[in-house]
Protein backbone atom coordinates (compact mmCIF):
# COMPACT_ATOMS: atom_id res chain seq x y z
CA MET A 1 1.51 -30.73 -85.68
CA GLU A 2 0.97 -28.86 -82.40
CA LYS A 3 3.55 -26.21 -81.56
CA PHE A 4 5.83 -26.73 -78.58
CA ILE A 5 7.06 -23.47 -77.07
CA GLN A 6 6.71 -23.72 -73.30
CA HIS A 7 5.00 -26.42 -71.30
CA ARG A 8 4.36 -26.91 -67.60
CA GLY A 9 3.06 -30.28 -66.54
CA LEU A 10 2.76 -33.05 -63.99
CA VAL A 11 5.60 -35.58 -64.17
CA VAL A 12 5.15 -39.36 -64.23
CA PRO A 13 8.29 -41.46 -63.60
CA ILE A 14 9.21 -44.74 -65.24
CA ASN A 15 12.40 -45.46 -63.37
CA ARG A 16 13.81 -48.30 -65.45
CA ALA A 17 16.31 -48.47 -68.30
CA ASN A 18 15.90 -49.98 -71.79
CA VAL A 19 12.16 -49.44 -72.12
CA ASP A 20 11.60 -50.68 -75.66
CA THR A 21 8.96 -49.82 -78.24
CA ASP A 22 7.17 -53.16 -77.79
CA GLN A 23 6.59 -52.18 -74.18
CA ILE A 24 5.51 -48.69 -75.20
CA ILE A 25 2.97 -50.02 -77.73
CA PRO A 26 2.83 -53.83 -78.18
CA LYS A 27 3.03 -55.31 -81.68
CA GLN A 28 -0.62 -56.42 -81.91
CA PHE A 29 -1.71 -52.77 -82.05
CA LEU A 30 0.39 -51.88 -85.11
CA LYS A 31 -2.22 -52.76 -87.75
CA SER A 32 -3.42 -49.17 -88.10
CA ILE A 33 -1.44 -46.25 -89.54
CA LYS A 34 -4.01 -43.56 -88.67
CA ARG A 35 -1.83 -42.08 -85.88
CA THR A 36 -4.85 -42.19 -83.55
CA GLY A 37 -6.37 -44.75 -81.22
CA PHE A 38 -3.10 -45.83 -79.58
CA GLY A 39 -3.12 -43.79 -76.36
CA VAL A 40 -5.40 -46.20 -74.52
CA ASN A 41 -2.88 -49.00 -75.21
CA LEU A 42 0.25 -47.12 -74.17
CA PHE A 43 2.33 -49.51 -72.02
CA ASP A 44 -0.53 -51.99 -72.44
CA GLU A 45 1.18 -55.04 -70.92
CA TRP A 46 2.17 -53.09 -67.81
CA ARG A 47 -1.01 -51.07 -67.55
CA TYR A 48 -3.57 -53.88 -67.65
CA LEU A 49 -3.80 -57.32 -66.04
CA ASP A 50 -5.36 -59.01 -69.07
CA GLU A 51 -4.04 -59.42 -72.61
CA GLY A 52 -4.91 -56.56 -74.91
CA TYR A 53 -6.03 -56.73 -78.54
CA PRO A 54 -7.14 -54.19 -81.19
CA GLY A 55 -10.73 -52.98 -80.95
CA GLN A 56 -11.07 -53.97 -77.31
CA ASP A 57 -13.14 -51.86 -74.91
CA SER A 58 -10.32 -50.91 -72.55
CA SER A 59 -12.72 -49.19 -70.14
CA LYS A 60 -13.82 -52.66 -69.00
CA ARG A 61 -10.32 -54.05 -68.50
CA GLN A 62 -8.73 -54.63 -65.11
CA LEU A 63 -6.00 -52.12 -64.36
CA ASN A 64 -2.67 -52.97 -62.79
CA MET A 65 -2.68 -50.46 -59.94
CA ASP A 66 1.01 -51.05 -59.24
CA PHE A 67 1.90 -49.39 -62.54
CA VAL A 68 2.56 -45.65 -62.27
CA LEU A 69 0.21 -44.54 -65.06
CA ASN A 70 -2.71 -46.01 -63.10
CA GLN A 71 -1.88 -44.40 -59.76
CA PRO A 72 -4.14 -41.46 -58.81
CA ARG A 73 -1.23 -39.10 -58.09
CA TYR A 74 -0.04 -39.30 -61.69
CA GLN A 75 -3.36 -38.84 -63.48
CA GLY A 76 -3.14 -36.06 -66.04
CA ALA A 77 0.66 -36.27 -66.31
CA SER A 78 2.09 -34.69 -69.46
CA ILE A 79 5.83 -35.16 -68.88
CA LEU A 80 7.45 -38.60 -68.73
CA LEU A 81 10.66 -39.00 -66.75
CA ALA A 82 12.54 -42.09 -67.94
CA GLN A 83 15.98 -43.71 -67.80
CA ASP A 84 18.74 -44.79 -70.19
CA ASN A 85 18.06 -45.98 -73.73
CA PHE A 86 14.36 -45.12 -73.76
CA GLY A 87 12.59 -46.23 -76.95
CA CYS A 88 15.00 -48.98 -77.94
CA GLY A 89 13.88 -51.97 -80.01
CA SER A 90 11.97 -51.81 -83.30
CA SER A 91 11.54 -48.59 -85.24
CA ARG A 92 7.74 -48.34 -84.98
CA GLU A 93 6.49 -44.77 -85.26
CA HIS A 94 3.43 -45.88 -83.32
CA ALA A 95 5.47 -45.43 -80.11
CA PRO A 96 5.52 -41.61 -80.16
CA TRP A 97 1.95 -41.64 -81.49
CA ALA A 98 0.78 -43.58 -78.42
CA ILE A 99 2.73 -41.38 -76.01
CA LEU A 100 1.36 -38.18 -77.54
CA GLU A 101 -2.23 -39.39 -77.67
CA TYR A 102 -2.06 -40.39 -74.02
CA GLY A 103 -1.23 -36.75 -73.27
CA ILE A 104 2.56 -36.78 -72.84
CA ARG A 105 4.26 -33.80 -74.57
CA CYS A 106 7.83 -34.40 -73.42
CA VAL A 107 10.05 -37.34 -72.41
CA ILE A 108 13.17 -36.67 -70.33
CA ALA A 109 15.91 -39.30 -70.10
CA PRO A 110 19.71 -39.71 -69.97
CA SER A 111 19.66 -41.25 -73.46
CA PHE A 112 17.28 -42.38 -76.20
CA ALA A 113 17.37 -44.93 -78.98
CA ASP A 114 18.20 -43.06 -82.19
CA ILE A 115 15.16 -43.99 -84.27
CA PHE A 116 12.70 -43.25 -81.47
CA PHE A 117 14.50 -39.95 -80.85
CA ASN A 118 14.11 -38.94 -84.50
CA ASN A 119 10.49 -40.13 -84.75
CA SER A 120 9.59 -38.10 -81.66
CA PHE A 121 10.66 -34.80 -83.20
CA LYS A 122 8.82 -35.57 -86.43
CA ASN A 123 5.57 -36.05 -84.52
CA GLY A 124 5.76 -33.15 -82.05
CA LEU A 125 7.04 -35.07 -79.02
CA LEU A 126 10.03 -33.36 -77.38
CA PRO A 127 12.75 -35.77 -76.16
CA ILE A 128 15.14 -34.09 -73.72
CA VAL A 129 18.53 -35.51 -72.75
CA LEU A 130 19.89 -34.60 -69.31
CA GLU A 131 22.84 -36.05 -67.45
CA LYS A 132 22.22 -39.25 -65.51
CA ASN A 133 22.87 -37.66 -62.11
CA ILE A 134 20.26 -34.99 -62.85
CA ILE A 135 17.73 -37.58 -64.00
CA ASP A 136 18.28 -39.61 -60.82
CA LYS A 137 17.81 -36.47 -58.71
CA LEU A 138 14.56 -35.66 -60.51
CA HIS A 139 13.28 -39.20 -59.93
CA VAL A 140 13.86 -38.80 -56.20
CA GLU A 141 12.06 -35.45 -56.18
CA VAL A 142 9.10 -36.72 -58.23
CA GLU A 143 8.54 -39.71 -55.97
CA ALA A 144 8.84 -37.57 -52.83
CA GLU A 145 6.37 -34.85 -53.84
CA ILE A 146 2.79 -35.43 -54.98
CA GLY A 147 1.85 -33.06 -57.78
CA TYR A 148 5.47 -32.52 -58.86
CA GLU A 149 5.60 -30.40 -62.02
CA LEU A 150 8.33 -29.29 -64.38
CA THR A 151 8.40 -26.31 -66.72
CA ILE A 152 9.92 -26.92 -70.14
CA ASP A 153 10.98 -23.86 -72.14
CA LEU A 154 12.06 -24.86 -75.64
CA GLU A 155 13.15 -21.36 -76.64
CA LYS A 156 15.48 -21.15 -73.64
CA GLN A 157 16.20 -24.90 -73.79
CA SER A 158 15.62 -25.24 -70.07
CA VAL A 159 13.92 -27.57 -67.59
CA THR A 160 12.87 -25.87 -64.35
CA THR A 161 11.86 -27.63 -61.13
CA PRO A 162 9.37 -26.42 -58.47
CA SER A 163 12.30 -25.27 -56.32
CA GLY A 164 13.59 -23.06 -59.13
CA ALA A 165 16.55 -25.21 -60.17
CA SER A 166 17.06 -24.98 -63.90
CA TYR A 167 18.83 -27.41 -66.23
CA LEU A 168 19.78 -26.60 -69.82
CA PHE A 169 19.48 -29.12 -72.64
CA GLU A 170 20.77 -29.29 -76.20
CA VAL A 171 18.52 -29.46 -79.25
CA ASP A 172 19.29 -29.35 -82.95
CA PRO A 173 18.42 -25.86 -84.32
CA PHE A 174 16.38 -27.22 -87.22
CA ARG A 175 14.37 -29.55 -84.99
CA LYS A 176 13.85 -26.71 -82.54
CA HIS A 177 12.53 -24.51 -85.36
CA CYS A 178 10.11 -27.23 -86.44
CA LEU A 179 8.72 -27.79 -82.94
CA LEU A 180 8.41 -24.08 -82.15
CA ASN A 181 6.42 -23.60 -85.35
CA GLY A 182 4.51 -26.88 -85.36
CA LEU A 183 6.03 -28.06 -88.63
CA ASP A 184 6.13 -31.73 -89.56
CA ASP A 185 7.48 -32.95 -92.93
CA ILE A 186 4.24 -31.97 -94.69
CA GLY A 187 4.21 -28.57 -93.02
CA LEU A 188 7.78 -27.94 -94.11
CA THR A 189 6.85 -28.76 -97.71
CA LEU A 190 3.82 -26.45 -97.60
CA GLU A 191 6.07 -23.56 -96.59
CA ASP A 192 7.32 -23.71 -100.18
CA ALA A 193 3.84 -24.08 -101.71
CA ASP A 194 4.15 -20.90 -103.82
CA THR A 195 7.55 -21.97 -105.19
CA ILE A 196 6.21 -25.43 -106.00
CA SER A 197 3.17 -23.97 -107.76
CA ALA A 198 5.34 -21.59 -109.79
CA TYR A 199 7.60 -24.45 -110.85
CA GLU A 200 4.63 -26.60 -111.89
CA GLU A 201 3.17 -23.74 -113.92
CA LYS A 202 6.52 -23.18 -115.65
CA ARG A 203 6.72 -26.89 -116.49
CA ARG A 204 3.16 -26.75 -117.78
CA GLN A 205 4.22 -24.00 -120.20
CA THR A 206 7.51 -25.55 -121.33
CA SER A 207 6.46 -29.22 -121.36
CA PRO A 208 2.67 -29.30 -121.84
CA TRP A 209 2.72 -32.95 -122.96
CA LEU A 210 3.60 -33.98 -119.41
CA PHE A 211 0.21 -32.70 -118.28
CA ASN A 212 -1.87 -34.16 -121.11
CA LYS A 213 -4.08 -36.68 -119.36
CA ASN A 214 -5.18 -38.20 -122.68
CA VAL A 215 -1.66 -39.38 -123.57
C-alpha cells in the first residue's frame, strides 16, 4: 500500500449528498476481485452517456461533459470534495479501489458511511471529515478558482487552502500509523514475520507430527 504523508493536489467537487457505492462503481463491474481495472468505470453512469459493461473499451464511449470528472479544468484531480454520507449503500470494497485507481488519494466530506470509511483506510485512501460549513466554503472556492489545490498533511492532520487557511481533522492513531507507513492488513502481519517464523519453528520442534505431510 502506498504511504500517505503529505499530498498536494487539484480538487474535484461532487457537491451532492448521499453518493452511494453503486454510483461510485456500478454493480456490473464487481465480478473481479483483482483491485485493478476499476478506475475507468468510476462514477460510470454519470461519466458516460451509454451503458457500461465489463471488458468494454471505454476510450470509444461518449462522455457526459456535464459531469465534473470530464470537464477539462478538473483533469488530473487527486482530491475529491464531497458532501454528507459519502459512500453509503452496499459494502463493496471496489468503491475505494475505483477511486484510488482513478488517481484520487483523499476524499473530504462532512460525513461518510461507516463501511466505506473503514474500507478506505485499509486500501490507502484517506477520508477526511470536516464540518459542514467548512465543506460548503471549500465548494464555493473550488468552483470559483480554476486550478484550486489543497495541501493535506497527515502528520499534522491539516488541510490547507491556497489562501493559507488551515483546517485540522481527526484521525484514529492506529489508522494514521498505517497510512504514514503504507501498511495494509498484510503489511501489518509481515511486521511480525520474525515472531511468526520463530513460533512455527518452535511448534515444529514440539509437535513435529503437525508438519508431517505424509500423515
